[in-house]
Amino acid sequence: MAFSEKFKQWQFSKTRLEAFSDAVFAIVITLLVLEIKIPEIEHPENVEEVLHALKGVSHIFFSWMISFFFVALMWLHHHQIMHMATKSDYGVVWINTILLFFITLIPFPTHMMGSYPSQPIMTAIWGATVGLTSLVLTWFYYYNTKNYLKSSFEKESVRKNVRLSLFAGPLLYLLAASLSFINVNIAYVIYALVPLLYILPLDKEMLPGAGNNSAETE
């Protein structure tokens, strides 16, 4: 028996896994906003000085914003993937653990990119971190749908979307990280646009008795 197959012999509660993951996502998304510090304003009654101070933290606000929506979308698609699966095993648990490892790391490059917005290395580190995070989520997506996909989902369509998610997430983020050494603004534009590709879940579920595919909410 292959080593990878041994993980499937041990089952794990889907509910327990989702509850733990939700808690981690909630903590990380809260930690992100703590990096936005109130700027020091010597004369707060001076509107021009206040606006100047706020402009000084605009890059930190931007890095928080794109990180916030990235983590939120990771949570959304994590929930959808778990919904698509009939059960979980220890392979799912460990891939999920690696995913959470990268998720909890995100506040660090977010703060660095916001503090040094014109430095390509800082911008690239953020892109590399979220790119690897997206890659692990794609692995999580692939493993769950390959082994435990519910019969209410069309297998070929799901496989196509797994391949699509590999390009639309990890590769675009890693490309943007590389382009930051040419122009950081190009990287920022890609970072801001990629989440728009994931606003809605990729897969639709066929409801019993329905004539076409429609999304199911829980």
N, C-alpha and C. Protein backbone atom coordinates (compact mmCIF):
# COMPACT_ATOMS: atom_id res chain seq x y z
N MET A 1 0.84 -1.19 0.00
CA MET A 1 0.00 0.00 0.00
C MET A 1 0.89 1.25 0.00
N ALA A 2 0.58 2.21 -0.89
CA ALA A 2 1.34 3.46 -0.96
C ALA A 2 1.16 4.24 0.33
N PHE A 3 2.21 5.00 0.68
CA PHE A 3 2.16 5.78 1.92
C PHE A 3 0.98 6.74 1.92
N SER A 4 0.71 7.37 0.77
CA SER A 4 -0.38 8.35 0.68
C SER A 4 -1.74 7.70 0.93
N GLU A 5 -1.85 6.42 0.58
CA GLU A 5 -3.12 5.72 0.76
C GLU A 5 -3.42 5.43 2.22
N LYS A 6 -2.38 5.39 3.05
CA LYS A 6 -2.58 5.08 4.47
C LYS A 6 -3.41 6.16 5.17
N PHE A 7 -3.32 7.43 4.68
CA PHE A 7 -4.08 8.50 5.31
C PHE A 7 -5.58 8.30 5.15
N LYS A 8 -5.99 7.58 4.10
CA LYS A 8 -7.41 7.38 3.86
C LYS A 8 -8.01 6.33 4.79
N GLN A 9 -7.17 5.57 5.49
CA GLN A 9 -7.67 4.55 6.40
C GLN A 9 -8.21 5.15 7.70
N TRP A 10 -7.86 6.39 7.96
CA TRP A 10 -8.25 7.04 9.21
C TRP A 10 -9.21 8.18 8.91
N GLN A 11 -10.42 8.06 9.40
CA GLN A 11 -11.43 9.08 9.17
C GLN A 11 -11.38 10.16 10.26
N PHE A 12 -11.85 11.36 9.91
CA PHE A 12 -11.85 12.47 10.85
C PHE A 12 -13.15 13.24 10.67
N SER A 13 -13.68 13.77 11.75
CA SER A 13 -14.96 14.49 11.71
C SER A 13 -14.86 15.76 10.86
N LYS A 14 -15.73 15.84 9.84
CA LYS A 14 -15.77 17.05 9.01
C LYS A 14 -16.15 18.27 9.84
N THR A 15 -17.10 18.08 10.74
CA THR A 15 -17.59 19.20 11.57
C THR A 15 -16.48 19.75 12.45
N ARG A 16 -15.70 18.86 13.05
CA ARG A 16 -14.59 19.28 13.92
C ARG A 16 -13.54 20.05 13.11
N LEU A 17 -13.25 19.55 11.92
CA LEU A 17 -12.25 20.19 11.06
C LEU A 17 -12.70 21.58 10.64
N GLU A 18 -13.96 21.72 10.26
CA GLU A 18 -14.49 23.02 9.84
C GLU A 18 -14.52 24.01 11.00
N ALA A 19 -14.90 23.55 12.19
CA ALA A 19 -14.97 24.43 13.35
C ALA A 19 -13.59 24.99 13.71
N PHE A 20 -12.58 24.11 13.70
CA PHE A 20 -11.22 24.56 14.01
C PHE A 20 -10.72 25.54 12.95
N SER A 21 -10.96 25.22 11.69
CA SER A 21 -10.51 26.08 10.59
C SER A 21 -11.19 27.44 10.65
N ASP A 22 -12.49 27.46 10.92
CA ASP A 22 -13.22 28.72 11.02
C ASP A 22 -12.63 29.62 12.11
N ALA A 23 -12.25 29.01 13.22
CA ALA A 23 -11.66 29.77 14.32
C ALA A 23 -10.34 30.41 13.90
N VAL A 24 -9.52 29.65 13.18
CA VAL A 24 -8.23 30.17 12.71
C VAL A 24 -8.44 31.31 11.72
N PHE A 25 -9.34 31.13 10.77
CA PHE A 25 -9.63 32.19 9.81
C PHE A 25 -10.11 33.46 10.52
N ALA A 26 -10.97 33.30 11.52
CA ALA A 26 -11.49 34.45 12.25
C ALA A 26 -10.38 35.20 12.99
N ILE A 27 -9.47 34.47 13.60
CA ILE A 27 -8.36 35.09 14.33
C ILE A 27 -7.44 35.85 13.38
N VAL A 28 -7.11 35.22 12.25
CA VAL A 28 -6.20 35.85 11.28
C VAL A 28 -6.81 37.12 10.70
N ILE A 29 -8.07 37.08 10.35
CA ILE A 29 -8.71 38.24 9.74
C ILE A 29 -8.84 39.38 10.74
N THR A 30 -8.86 39.04 12.03
CA THR A 30 -8.87 40.07 13.08
C THR A 30 -7.47 40.65 13.28
N LEU A 31 -6.46 39.79 13.26
CA LEU A 31 -5.08 40.25 13.45
C LEU A 31 -4.66 41.23 12.35
N LEU A 32 -5.19 41.04 11.16
CA LEU A 32 -4.81 41.92 10.05
C LEU A 32 -5.10 43.38 10.35
N VAL A 33 -6.27 43.66 10.91
CA VAL A 33 -6.66 45.06 11.13
C VAL A 33 -5.86 45.70 12.26
N LEU A 34 -5.27 44.88 13.13
CA LEU A 34 -4.49 45.43 14.24
C LEU A 34 -3.20 46.09 13.75
N GLU A 35 -2.81 45.81 12.50
CA GLU A 35 -1.61 46.43 11.96
C GLU A 35 -1.86 47.88 11.53
N ILE A 36 -3.12 48.30 11.46
CA ILE A 36 -3.43 49.68 11.09
C ILE A 36 -3.38 50.53 12.35
N LYS A 37 -2.32 51.30 12.49
CA LYS A 37 -2.14 52.13 13.68
C LYS A 37 -2.65 53.55 13.42
N ILE A 38 -3.15 54.18 14.48
CA ILE A 38 -3.57 55.57 14.37
C ILE A 38 -2.34 56.45 14.19
N PRO A 39 -2.28 57.25 13.13
CA PRO A 39 -1.09 58.10 12.91
C PRO A 39 -1.00 59.21 13.96
N GLU A 40 0.23 59.59 14.25
CA GLU A 40 0.45 60.69 15.19
C GLU A 40 0.19 62.02 14.50
N ILE A 41 -0.70 62.81 15.06
CA ILE A 41 -1.07 64.11 14.50
C ILE A 41 -0.85 65.17 15.56
N GLU A 42 0.08 66.04 15.29
CA GLU A 42 0.44 67.06 16.29
C GLU A 42 -0.67 68.09 16.48
N HIS A 43 -1.33 68.45 15.38
CA HIS A 43 -2.43 69.43 15.47
C HIS A 43 -3.67 68.83 14.82
N PRO A 44 -4.44 68.04 15.56
CA PRO A 44 -5.60 67.36 14.99
C PRO A 44 -6.70 68.31 14.51
N GLU A 45 -6.65 69.56 14.94
CA GLU A 45 -7.65 70.52 14.48
C GLU A 45 -7.34 71.03 13.08
N ASN A 46 -6.13 70.73 12.61
CA ASN A 46 -5.70 71.14 11.27
C ASN A 46 -6.08 70.06 10.27
N VAL A 47 -7.11 70.35 9.45
CA VAL A 47 -7.62 69.36 8.51
C VAL A 47 -6.55 68.92 7.52
N GLU A 48 -5.76 69.87 7.05
CA GLU A 48 -4.72 69.54 6.08
C GLU A 48 -3.69 68.58 6.67
N GLU A 49 -3.36 68.79 7.94
CA GLU A 49 -2.41 67.91 8.60
C GLU A 49 -2.99 66.51 8.81
N VAL A 50 -4.27 66.46 9.14
CA VAL A 50 -4.94 65.17 9.33
C VAL A 50 -4.95 64.37 8.02
N LEU A 51 -5.31 65.06 6.92
CA LEU A 51 -5.35 64.40 5.63
C LEU A 51 -3.96 63.91 5.20
N HIS A 52 -2.96 64.71 5.51
CA HIS A 52 -1.58 64.33 5.19
C HIS A 52 -1.17 63.08 5.99
N ALA A 53 -1.57 63.03 7.27
CA ALA A 53 -1.25 61.89 8.11
C ALA A 53 -1.96 60.63 7.62
N LEU A 54 -3.22 60.78 7.20
CA LEU A 54 -3.97 59.64 6.69
C LEU A 54 -3.38 59.14 5.37
N LYS A 55 -2.90 60.06 4.57
CA LYS A 55 -2.24 59.68 3.32
C LYS A 55 -1.00 58.84 3.61
N GLY A 56 -0.35 59.15 4.72
CA GLY A 56 0.87 58.43 5.10
C GLY A 56 0.62 56.97 5.45
N VAL A 57 -0.62 56.63 5.85
CA VAL A 57 -0.94 55.23 6.19
C VAL A 57 -1.79 54.57 5.11
N SER A 58 -1.95 55.23 3.97
CA SER A 58 -2.81 54.69 2.91
C SER A 58 -2.29 53.36 2.37
N HIS A 59 -0.96 53.21 2.31
CA HIS A 59 -0.40 51.96 1.81
C HIS A 59 -0.65 50.80 2.79
N ILE A 60 -0.61 51.11 4.08
CA ILE A 60 -0.92 50.09 5.08
C ILE A 60 -2.39 49.69 4.97
N PHE A 61 -3.26 50.68 4.74
CA PHE A 61 -4.68 50.39 4.56
C PHE A 61 -4.91 49.53 3.33
N PHE A 62 -4.20 49.82 2.24
CA PHE A 62 -4.36 49.06 1.00
C PHE A 62 -3.91 47.60 1.21
N SER A 63 -2.76 47.43 1.86
CA SER A 63 -2.26 46.06 2.08
C SER A 63 -3.22 45.29 2.98
N TRP A 64 -3.82 45.98 3.97
CA TRP A 64 -4.82 45.33 4.81
C TRP A 64 -6.03 44.93 3.99
N MET A 65 -6.48 45.81 3.11
CA MET A 65 -7.70 45.56 2.33
C MET A 65 -7.54 44.33 1.44
N ILE A 66 -6.43 44.24 0.68
CA ILE A 66 -6.30 43.10 -0.23
C ILE A 66 -6.06 41.80 0.55
N SER A 67 -5.41 41.90 1.71
CA SER A 67 -5.21 40.71 2.54
C SER A 67 -6.52 40.27 3.17
N PHE A 68 -7.33 41.24 3.60
CA PHE A 68 -8.62 40.92 4.20
C PHE A 68 -9.49 40.13 3.23
N PHE A 69 -9.61 40.64 2.00
CA PHE A 69 -10.46 39.97 1.02
C PHE A 69 -9.85 38.65 0.57
N PHE A 70 -8.53 38.56 0.55
CA PHE A 70 -7.91 37.28 0.21
C PHE A 70 -8.27 36.23 1.26
N VAL A 71 -8.11 36.55 2.53
CA VAL A 71 -8.43 35.59 3.59
C VAL A 71 -9.92 35.25 3.58
N ALA A 72 -10.76 36.27 3.36
CA ALA A 72 -12.20 36.03 3.31
C ALA A 72 -12.56 35.06 2.19
N LEU A 73 -11.92 35.22 1.03
CA LEU A 73 -12.20 34.32 -0.09
C LEU A 73 -11.63 32.92 0.15
N MET A 74 -10.49 32.83 0.84
CA MET A 74 -9.96 31.53 1.21
C MET A 74 -10.96 30.80 2.11
N TRP A 75 -11.55 31.53 3.05
CA TRP A 75 -12.54 30.93 3.94
C TRP A 75 -13.78 30.49 3.17
N LEU A 76 -14.24 31.35 2.26
CA LEU A 76 -15.44 31.03 1.47
C LEU A 76 -15.25 29.74 0.67
N HIS A 77 -14.10 29.63 0.00
CA HIS A 77 -13.88 28.46 -0.84
C HIS A 77 -13.51 27.22 0.00
N HIS A 78 -12.91 27.43 1.14
CA HIS A 78 -12.68 26.32 2.07
C HIS A 78 -14.02 25.73 2.49
N HIS A 79 -14.96 26.60 2.82
CA HIS A 79 -16.30 26.14 3.22
C HIS A 79 -16.97 25.38 2.07
N GLN A 80 -16.86 25.92 0.85
CA GLN A 80 -17.49 25.27 -0.30
C GLN A 80 -16.88 23.90 -0.57
N ILE A 81 -15.57 23.80 -0.47
CA ILE A 81 -14.89 22.51 -0.71
C ILE A 81 -15.32 21.48 0.32
N MET A 82 -15.40 21.90 1.59
CA MET A 82 -15.84 20.98 2.63
C MET A 82 -17.29 20.55 2.40
N HIS A 83 -18.11 21.46 1.90
CA HIS A 83 -19.51 21.12 1.61
C HIS A 83 -19.60 20.09 0.48
N MET A 84 -18.67 20.17 -0.48
CA MET A 84 -18.69 19.26 -1.63
C MET A 84 -18.27 17.83 -1.26
N ALA A 85 -17.57 17.69 -0.14
CA ALA A 85 -17.02 16.39 0.25
C ALA A 85 -17.98 15.61 1.14
N THR A 86 -17.98 14.31 0.98
CA THR A 86 -18.86 13.46 1.79
C THR A 86 -18.28 13.20 3.17
N LYS A 87 -16.95 13.19 3.28
CA LYS A 87 -16.30 12.92 4.56
C LYS A 87 -14.86 13.41 4.51
N SER A 88 -14.14 13.25 5.63
CA SER A 88 -12.75 13.67 5.71
C SER A 88 -11.88 12.55 6.25
N ASP A 89 -10.64 12.53 5.81
CA ASP A 89 -9.69 11.58 6.37
C ASP A 89 -8.45 12.34 6.85
N TYR A 90 -7.42 11.61 7.25
CA TYR A 90 -6.24 12.28 7.78
C TYR A 90 -5.42 12.98 6.69
N GLY A 91 -5.62 12.60 5.43
CA GLY A 91 -5.01 13.35 4.34
C GLY A 91 -5.59 14.75 4.28
N VAL A 92 -6.92 14.84 4.41
CA VAL A 92 -7.60 16.13 4.44
C VAL A 92 -7.10 16.97 5.62
N VAL A 93 -6.97 16.31 6.78
CA VAL A 93 -6.54 17.02 7.99
C VAL A 93 -5.16 17.66 7.79
N TRP A 94 -4.23 16.91 7.23
CA TRP A 94 -2.87 17.45 7.11
C TRP A 94 -2.72 18.47 5.99
N ILE A 95 -3.46 18.29 4.92
CA ILE A 95 -3.45 19.34 3.89
C ILE A 95 -4.08 20.61 4.46
N ASN A 96 -5.15 20.46 5.22
CA ASN A 96 -5.80 21.59 5.87
C ASN A 96 -4.85 22.28 6.85
N THR A 97 -4.06 21.50 7.57
CA THR A 97 -3.10 22.06 8.52
C THR A 97 -2.03 22.89 7.80
N ILE A 98 -1.56 22.40 6.66
CA ILE A 98 -0.58 23.15 5.87
C ILE A 98 -1.21 24.44 5.35
N LEU A 99 -2.47 24.37 4.94
CA LEU A 99 -3.18 25.56 4.48
C LEU A 99 -3.27 26.60 5.59
N LEU A 100 -3.63 26.17 6.79
CA LEU A 100 -3.74 27.10 7.92
C LEU A 100 -2.38 27.66 8.32
N PHE A 101 -1.32 26.88 8.11
CA PHE A 101 0.03 27.37 8.36
C PHE A 101 0.30 28.63 7.54
N PHE A 102 -0.01 28.58 6.26
CA PHE A 102 0.21 29.75 5.39
C PHE A 102 -0.77 30.87 5.69
N ILE A 103 -2.01 30.52 6.02
CA ILE A 103 -3.01 31.54 6.35
C ILE A 103 -2.56 32.37 7.55
N THR A 104 -2.05 31.69 8.58
CA THR A 104 -1.63 32.42 9.79
C THR A 104 -0.38 33.26 9.55
N LEU A 105 0.35 32.98 8.47
CA LEU A 105 1.55 33.75 8.15
C LEU A 105 1.24 35.08 7.47
N ILE A 106 0.06 35.20 6.88
CA ILE A 106 -0.28 36.35 6.04
C ILE A 106 -0.14 37.71 6.73
N PRO A 107 -0.51 37.88 8.01
CA PRO A 107 -0.34 39.22 8.62
C PRO A 107 1.10 39.75 8.57
N PHE A 108 2.09 38.86 8.58
CA PHE A 108 3.49 39.32 8.57
C PHE A 108 3.86 39.99 7.24
N PRO A 109 3.71 39.34 6.07
CA PRO A 109 4.02 40.03 4.82
C PRO A 109 3.08 41.19 4.52
N THR A 110 1.86 41.13 5.05
CA THR A 110 0.93 42.25 4.88
C THR A 110 1.49 43.50 5.53
N HIS A 111 1.99 43.36 6.76
CA HIS A 111 2.55 44.50 7.48
C HIS A 111 3.82 45.00 6.79
N MET A 112 4.65 44.10 6.30
CA MET A 112 5.88 44.51 5.62
C MET A 112 5.57 45.26 4.33
N MET A 113 4.62 44.75 3.55
CA MET A 113 4.28 45.40 2.29
C MET A 113 3.66 46.78 2.54
N GLY A 114 2.85 46.89 3.57
CA GLY A 114 2.23 48.18 3.88
C GLY A 114 3.23 49.19 4.40
N SER A 115 4.25 48.71 5.12
CA SER A 115 5.25 49.61 5.68
C SER A 115 6.30 50.04 4.67
N TYR A 116 6.58 49.17 3.68
CA TYR A 116 7.59 49.47 2.66
C TYR A 116 6.99 49.23 1.27
N PRO A 117 6.00 50.02 0.88
CA PRO A 117 5.24 49.76 -0.36
C PRO A 117 6.04 49.89 -1.64
N SER A 118 7.13 50.62 -1.62
CA SER A 118 7.91 50.83 -2.85
C SER A 118 9.05 49.82 -3.01
N GLN A 119 9.22 48.94 -2.03
CA GLN A 119 10.30 47.96 -2.08
C GLN A 119 9.81 46.66 -2.75
N PRO A 120 10.36 46.32 -3.91
CA PRO A 120 9.90 45.13 -4.64
C PRO A 120 9.96 43.84 -3.83
N ILE A 121 10.99 43.69 -3.00
CA ILE A 121 11.13 42.45 -2.24
C ILE A 121 9.97 42.26 -1.27
N MET A 122 9.48 43.37 -0.68
CA MET A 122 8.34 43.28 0.25
C MET A 122 7.06 42.90 -0.49
N THR A 123 6.89 43.52 -1.66
CA THR A 123 5.72 43.20 -2.48
C THR A 123 5.77 41.76 -2.97
N ALA A 124 6.97 41.30 -3.33
CA ALA A 124 7.14 39.94 -3.83
C ALA A 124 6.90 38.90 -2.73
N ILE A 125 7.33 39.21 -1.52
CA ILE A 125 7.13 38.27 -0.41
C ILE A 125 5.64 38.06 -0.15
N TRP A 126 4.87 39.16 -0.22
CA TRP A 126 3.41 39.02 -0.04
C TRP A 126 2.83 38.14 -1.14
N GLY A 127 3.22 38.40 -2.39
CA GLY A 127 2.70 37.62 -3.50
C GLY A 127 3.08 36.15 -3.40
N ALA A 128 4.33 35.89 -2.99
CA ALA A 128 4.78 34.51 -2.85
C ALA A 128 4.00 33.79 -1.75
N THR A 129 3.73 34.50 -0.65
CA THR A 129 2.99 33.89 0.47
C THR A 129 1.57 33.54 0.07
N VAL A 130 0.85 34.48 -0.54
CA VAL A 130 -0.54 34.19 -0.92
C VAL A 130 -0.59 33.23 -2.10
N GLY A 131 0.45 33.26 -2.95
CA GLY A 131 0.51 32.30 -4.06
C GLY A 131 0.63 30.87 -3.55
N LEU A 132 1.50 30.67 -2.56
CA LEU A 132 1.66 29.34 -1.97
C LEU A 132 0.39 28.93 -1.21
N THR A 133 -0.24 29.92 -0.56
CA THR A 133 -1.50 29.63 0.14
C THR A 133 -2.56 29.16 -0.85
N SER A 134 -2.67 29.86 -1.98
CA SER A 134 -3.63 29.47 -3.01
C SER A 134 -3.30 28.10 -3.59
N LEU A 135 -2.02 27.81 -3.71
CA LEU A 135 -1.60 26.51 -4.24
C LEU A 135 -2.04 25.37 -3.31
N VAL A 136 -1.88 25.58 -2.00
CA VAL A 136 -2.29 24.55 -1.04
C VAL A 136 -3.81 24.40 -1.05
N LEU A 137 -4.54 25.52 -1.20
CA LEU A 137 -5.99 25.43 -1.28
C LEU A 137 -6.41 24.62 -2.51
N THR A 138 -5.70 24.81 -3.63
CA THR A 138 -5.99 24.03 -4.84
C THR A 138 -5.72 22.56 -4.58
N TRP A 139 -4.66 22.24 -3.87
CA TRP A 139 -4.36 20.85 -3.48
C TRP A 139 -5.49 20.30 -2.61
N PHE A 140 -5.96 21.09 -1.67
CA PHE A 140 -7.07 20.73 -0.79
C PHE A 140 -8.33 20.44 -1.62
N TYR A 141 -8.58 21.31 -2.58
CA TYR A 141 -9.71 21.19 -3.51
C TYR A 141 -9.59 19.89 -4.32
N TYR A 142 -8.42 19.64 -4.86
CA TYR A 142 -8.17 18.45 -5.68
C TYR A 142 -8.36 17.17 -4.86
N TYR A 143 -7.77 17.13 -3.68
CA TYR A 143 -7.80 15.91 -2.86
C TYR A 143 -9.23 15.57 -2.44
N ASN A 144 -9.98 16.57 -1.99
CA ASN A 144 -11.35 16.34 -1.53
C ASN A 144 -12.26 15.90 -2.67
N THR A 145 -12.16 16.59 -3.79
CA THR A 145 -13.07 16.28 -4.90
C THR A 145 -12.68 15.00 -5.62
N LYS A 146 -11.41 14.65 -5.59
CA LYS A 146 -10.98 13.39 -6.21
C LYS A 146 -11.47 12.19 -5.41
N ASN A 147 -11.41 12.30 -4.08
CA ASN A 147 -11.69 11.14 -3.22
C ASN A 147 -13.09 11.11 -2.61
N TYR A 148 -13.68 12.29 -2.36
CA TYR A 148 -14.93 12.31 -1.59
C TYR A 148 -16.00 13.23 -2.17
N LEU A 149 -15.99 13.43 -3.48
CA LEU A 149 -16.97 14.33 -4.11
C LEU A 149 -18.38 13.76 -4.01
N LYS A 150 -19.33 14.59 -3.60
CA LYS A 150 -20.73 14.18 -3.53
C LYS A 150 -21.26 13.88 -4.93
N SER A 151 -22.18 12.97 -5.03
CA SER A 151 -22.75 12.58 -6.32
C SER A 151 -23.57 13.70 -6.95
N SER A 152 -23.94 14.70 -6.16
CA SER A 152 -24.75 15.81 -6.68
C SER A 152 -23.92 16.83 -7.46
N PHE A 153 -22.59 16.60 -7.52
CA PHE A 153 -21.72 17.47 -8.31
C PHE A 153 -21.24 16.72 -9.55
N GLU A 154 -21.15 17.42 -10.66
CA GLU A 154 -20.71 16.82 -11.92
C GLU A 154 -19.19 16.72 -11.92
N LYS A 155 -18.68 15.49 -11.93
CA LYS A 155 -17.25 15.24 -11.73
C LYS A 155 -16.37 15.92 -12.77
N GLU A 156 -16.72 15.83 -14.04
CA GLU A 156 -15.88 16.41 -15.10
C GLU A 156 -15.81 17.93 -14.98
N SER A 157 -16.93 18.53 -14.63
CA SER A 157 -16.96 19.99 -14.45
C SER A 157 -16.07 20.41 -13.28
N VAL A 158 -16.11 19.63 -12.21
CA VAL A 158 -15.29 19.93 -11.04
C VAL A 158 -13.81 19.80 -11.38
N ARG A 159 -13.44 18.75 -12.10
CA ARG A 159 -12.04 18.56 -12.49
C ARG A 159 -11.54 19.74 -13.32
N LYS A 160 -12.40 20.22 -14.22
CA LYS A 160 -12.05 21.38 -15.05
C LYS A 160 -11.81 22.61 -14.17
N ASN A 161 -12.66 22.78 -13.16
CA ASN A 161 -12.52 23.94 -12.27
C ASN A 161 -11.30 23.83 -11.36
N VAL A 162 -10.91 22.61 -11.02
CA VAL A 162 -9.67 22.43 -10.25
C VAL A 162 -8.48 22.93 -11.06
N ARG A 163 -8.44 22.56 -12.34
CA ARG A 163 -7.35 23.03 -13.21
C ARG A 163 -7.40 24.54 -13.39
N LEU A 164 -8.60 25.09 -13.52
CA LEU A 164 -8.77 26.53 -13.68
C LEU A 164 -8.28 27.28 -12.45
N SER A 165 -8.59 26.75 -11.26
CA SER A 165 -8.19 27.41 -10.02
C SER A 165 -6.69 27.43 -9.85
N LEU A 166 -6.00 26.44 -10.43
CA LEU A 166 -4.54 26.42 -10.36
C LEU A 166 -3.94 27.60 -11.12
N PHE A 167 -4.54 27.92 -12.27
CA PHE A 167 -4.03 29.05 -13.06
C PHE A 167 -4.48 30.39 -12.47
N ALA A 168 -5.76 30.48 -12.14
CA ALA A 168 -6.33 31.76 -11.74
C ALA A 168 -5.86 32.24 -10.37
N GLY A 169 -5.36 31.35 -9.55
CA GLY A 169 -4.90 31.75 -8.23
C GLY A 169 -3.39 31.75 -8.08
N PRO A 170 -2.82 30.57 -7.82
CA PRO A 170 -1.38 30.48 -7.52
C PRO A 170 -0.48 31.08 -8.60
N LEU A 171 -0.73 30.73 -9.86
CA LEU A 171 0.17 31.19 -10.92
C LEU A 171 0.10 32.70 -11.12
N LEU A 172 -1.09 33.28 -11.01
CA LEU A 172 -1.21 34.73 -11.17
C LEU A 172 -0.53 35.48 -10.02
N TYR A 173 -0.70 34.97 -8.80
CA TYR A 173 -0.04 35.62 -7.65
C TYR A 173 1.48 35.51 -7.76
N LEU A 174 1.98 34.35 -8.15
CA LEU A 174 3.42 34.18 -8.28
C LEU A 174 3.98 35.00 -9.44
N LEU A 175 3.19 35.13 -10.51
CA LEU A 175 3.59 35.99 -11.62
C LEU A 175 3.68 37.44 -11.16
N ALA A 176 2.68 37.88 -10.40
CA ALA A 176 2.68 39.25 -9.89
C ALA A 176 3.87 39.50 -8.97
N ALA A 177 4.20 38.50 -8.15
CA ALA A 177 5.36 38.63 -7.26
C ALA A 177 6.63 38.83 -8.08
N SER A 178 6.76 38.12 -9.19
CA SER A 178 7.93 38.28 -10.05
C SER A 178 7.95 39.64 -10.73
N LEU A 179 6.77 40.10 -11.17
CA LEU A 179 6.68 41.38 -11.86
C LEU A 179 6.94 42.57 -10.95
N SER A 180 6.84 42.35 -9.64
CA SER A 180 7.08 43.45 -8.70
C SER A 180 8.51 43.99 -8.81
N PHE A 181 9.45 43.15 -9.29
CA PHE A 181 10.82 43.60 -9.45
C PHE A 181 10.98 44.46 -10.70
N ILE A 182 9.97 44.45 -11.56
CA ILE A 182 9.95 45.34 -12.73
C ILE A 182 9.20 46.61 -12.41
N ASN A 183 8.00 46.43 -11.81
CA ASN A 183 7.17 47.58 -11.43
C ASN A 183 6.21 47.14 -10.34
N VAL A 184 6.34 47.70 -9.16
CA VAL A 184 5.48 47.26 -8.04
C VAL A 184 4.02 47.57 -8.29
N ASN A 185 3.74 48.61 -9.08
CA ASN A 185 2.35 48.98 -9.34
C ASN A 185 1.63 47.90 -10.15
N ILE A 186 2.35 47.23 -11.06
CA ILE A 186 1.75 46.13 -11.82
C ILE A 186 1.36 45.01 -10.86
N ALA A 187 2.23 44.72 -9.93
CA ALA A 187 1.94 43.68 -8.94
C ALA A 187 0.71 44.04 -8.11
N TYR A 188 0.62 45.30 -7.68
CA TYR A 188 -0.52 45.73 -6.87
C TYR A 188 -1.83 45.58 -7.64
N VAL A 189 -1.81 45.91 -8.93
CA VAL A 189 -3.02 45.80 -9.74
C VAL A 189 -3.47 44.33 -9.83
N ILE A 190 -2.52 43.43 -10.07
CA ILE A 190 -2.86 42.01 -10.15
C ILE A 190 -3.36 41.50 -8.80
N TYR A 191 -2.70 41.90 -7.72
CA TYR A 191 -3.13 41.49 -6.38
C TYR A 191 -4.57 41.91 -6.11
N ALA A 192 -4.93 43.10 -6.59
CA ALA A 192 -6.28 43.62 -6.33
C ALA A 192 -7.33 42.95 -7.22
N LEU A 193 -6.91 42.52 -8.43
CA LEU A 193 -7.88 41.97 -9.38
C LEU A 193 -8.15 40.48 -9.23
N VAL A 194 -7.15 39.72 -8.80
CA VAL A 194 -7.32 38.26 -8.71
C VAL A 194 -8.53 37.85 -7.86
N PRO A 195 -8.76 38.46 -6.70
CA PRO A 195 -9.93 38.05 -5.89
C PRO A 195 -11.26 38.17 -6.62
N LEU A 196 -11.33 39.05 -7.63
CA LEU A 196 -12.58 39.21 -8.37
C LEU A 196 -12.96 37.92 -9.11
N LEU A 197 -11.96 37.08 -9.40
CA LEU A 197 -12.21 35.82 -10.09
C LEU A 197 -12.88 34.79 -9.18
N TYR A 198 -12.85 35.06 -7.87
CA TYR A 198 -13.33 34.06 -6.90
C TYR A 198 -14.49 34.57 -6.05
N ILE A 199 -15.19 35.59 -6.54
CA ILE A 199 -16.31 36.13 -5.75
C ILE A 199 -17.37 35.06 -5.51
N LEU A 200 -17.63 34.24 -6.53
CA LEU A 200 -18.61 33.15 -6.41
C LEU A 200 -17.90 31.80 -6.42
N PRO A 201 -18.47 30.79 -5.77
CA PRO A 201 -17.88 29.45 -5.82
C PRO A 201 -17.81 28.96 -7.27
N LEU A 202 -16.82 28.12 -7.56
CA LEU A 202 -16.63 27.63 -8.92
C LEU A 202 -17.65 26.57 -9.32
N ASP A 203 -18.13 25.81 -8.35
CA ASP A 203 -18.97 24.64 -8.67
C ASP A 203 -20.41 24.82 -8.21
N LYS A 204 -21.33 24.32 -9.03
CA LYS A 204 -22.75 24.34 -8.69
C LYS A 204 -23.21 22.92 -8.40
N GLU A 205 -24.19 22.82 -7.52
CA GLU A 205 -24.70 21.51 -7.12
C GLU A 205 -26.05 21.24 -7.75
N MET A 206 -26.23 20.05 -8.25
CA MET A 206 -27.52 19.67 -8.81
C MET A 206 -28.46 19.26 -7.68
N LEU A 207 -29.54 20.00 -7.55
CA LEU A 207 -30.51 19.69 -6.50
C LEU A 207 -31.45 18.58 -6.97
N PRO A 208 -31.91 17.75 -6.06
CA PRO A 208 -32.82 16.64 -6.44
C PRO A 208 -34.07 17.19 -7.12
N GLY A 209 -34.37 16.65 -8.27
CA GLY A 209 -35.60 17.05 -8.97
C GLY A 209 -35.45 18.31 -9.81
N ALA A 210 -34.27 18.94 -9.77
CA ALA A 210 -34.09 20.16 -10.56
C ALA A 210 -33.71 19.81 -11.99
N GLY A 211 -34.15 20.63 -12.92
CA GLY A 211 -33.87 20.38 -14.32
C GLY A 211 -32.51 20.90 -14.73
N ASN A 212 -31.89 21.75 -13.90
CA ASN A 212 -30.55 22.26 -14.22
C ASN A 212 -29.78 22.43 -12.94
N ASN A 213 -28.56 22.86 -13.05
CA ASN A 213 -27.70 23.04 -11.88
C ASN A 213 -28.05 24.33 -11.17
N SER A 214 -28.06 24.29 -9.86
CA SER A 214 -28.27 25.51 -9.07
C SER A 214 -27.49 25.37 -7.80
N ALA A 215 -27.15 26.50 -7.23
CA ALA A 215 -26.32 26.49 -6.01
C ALA A 215 -27.20 26.21 -4.82
N GLU A 216 -26.65 25.47 -3.87
CA GLU A 216 -27.36 25.15 -2.64
C GLU A 216 -26.71 25.90 -1.49
N THR A 217 -27.54 26.47 -0.68
CA THR A 217 -27.01 27.15 0.50
C THR A 217 -27.29 26.31 1.72
N GLU A 218 -26.44 26.48 2.72
CA GLU A 218 -26.62 25.71 3.96
C GLU A 218 -27.18 26.60 5.05
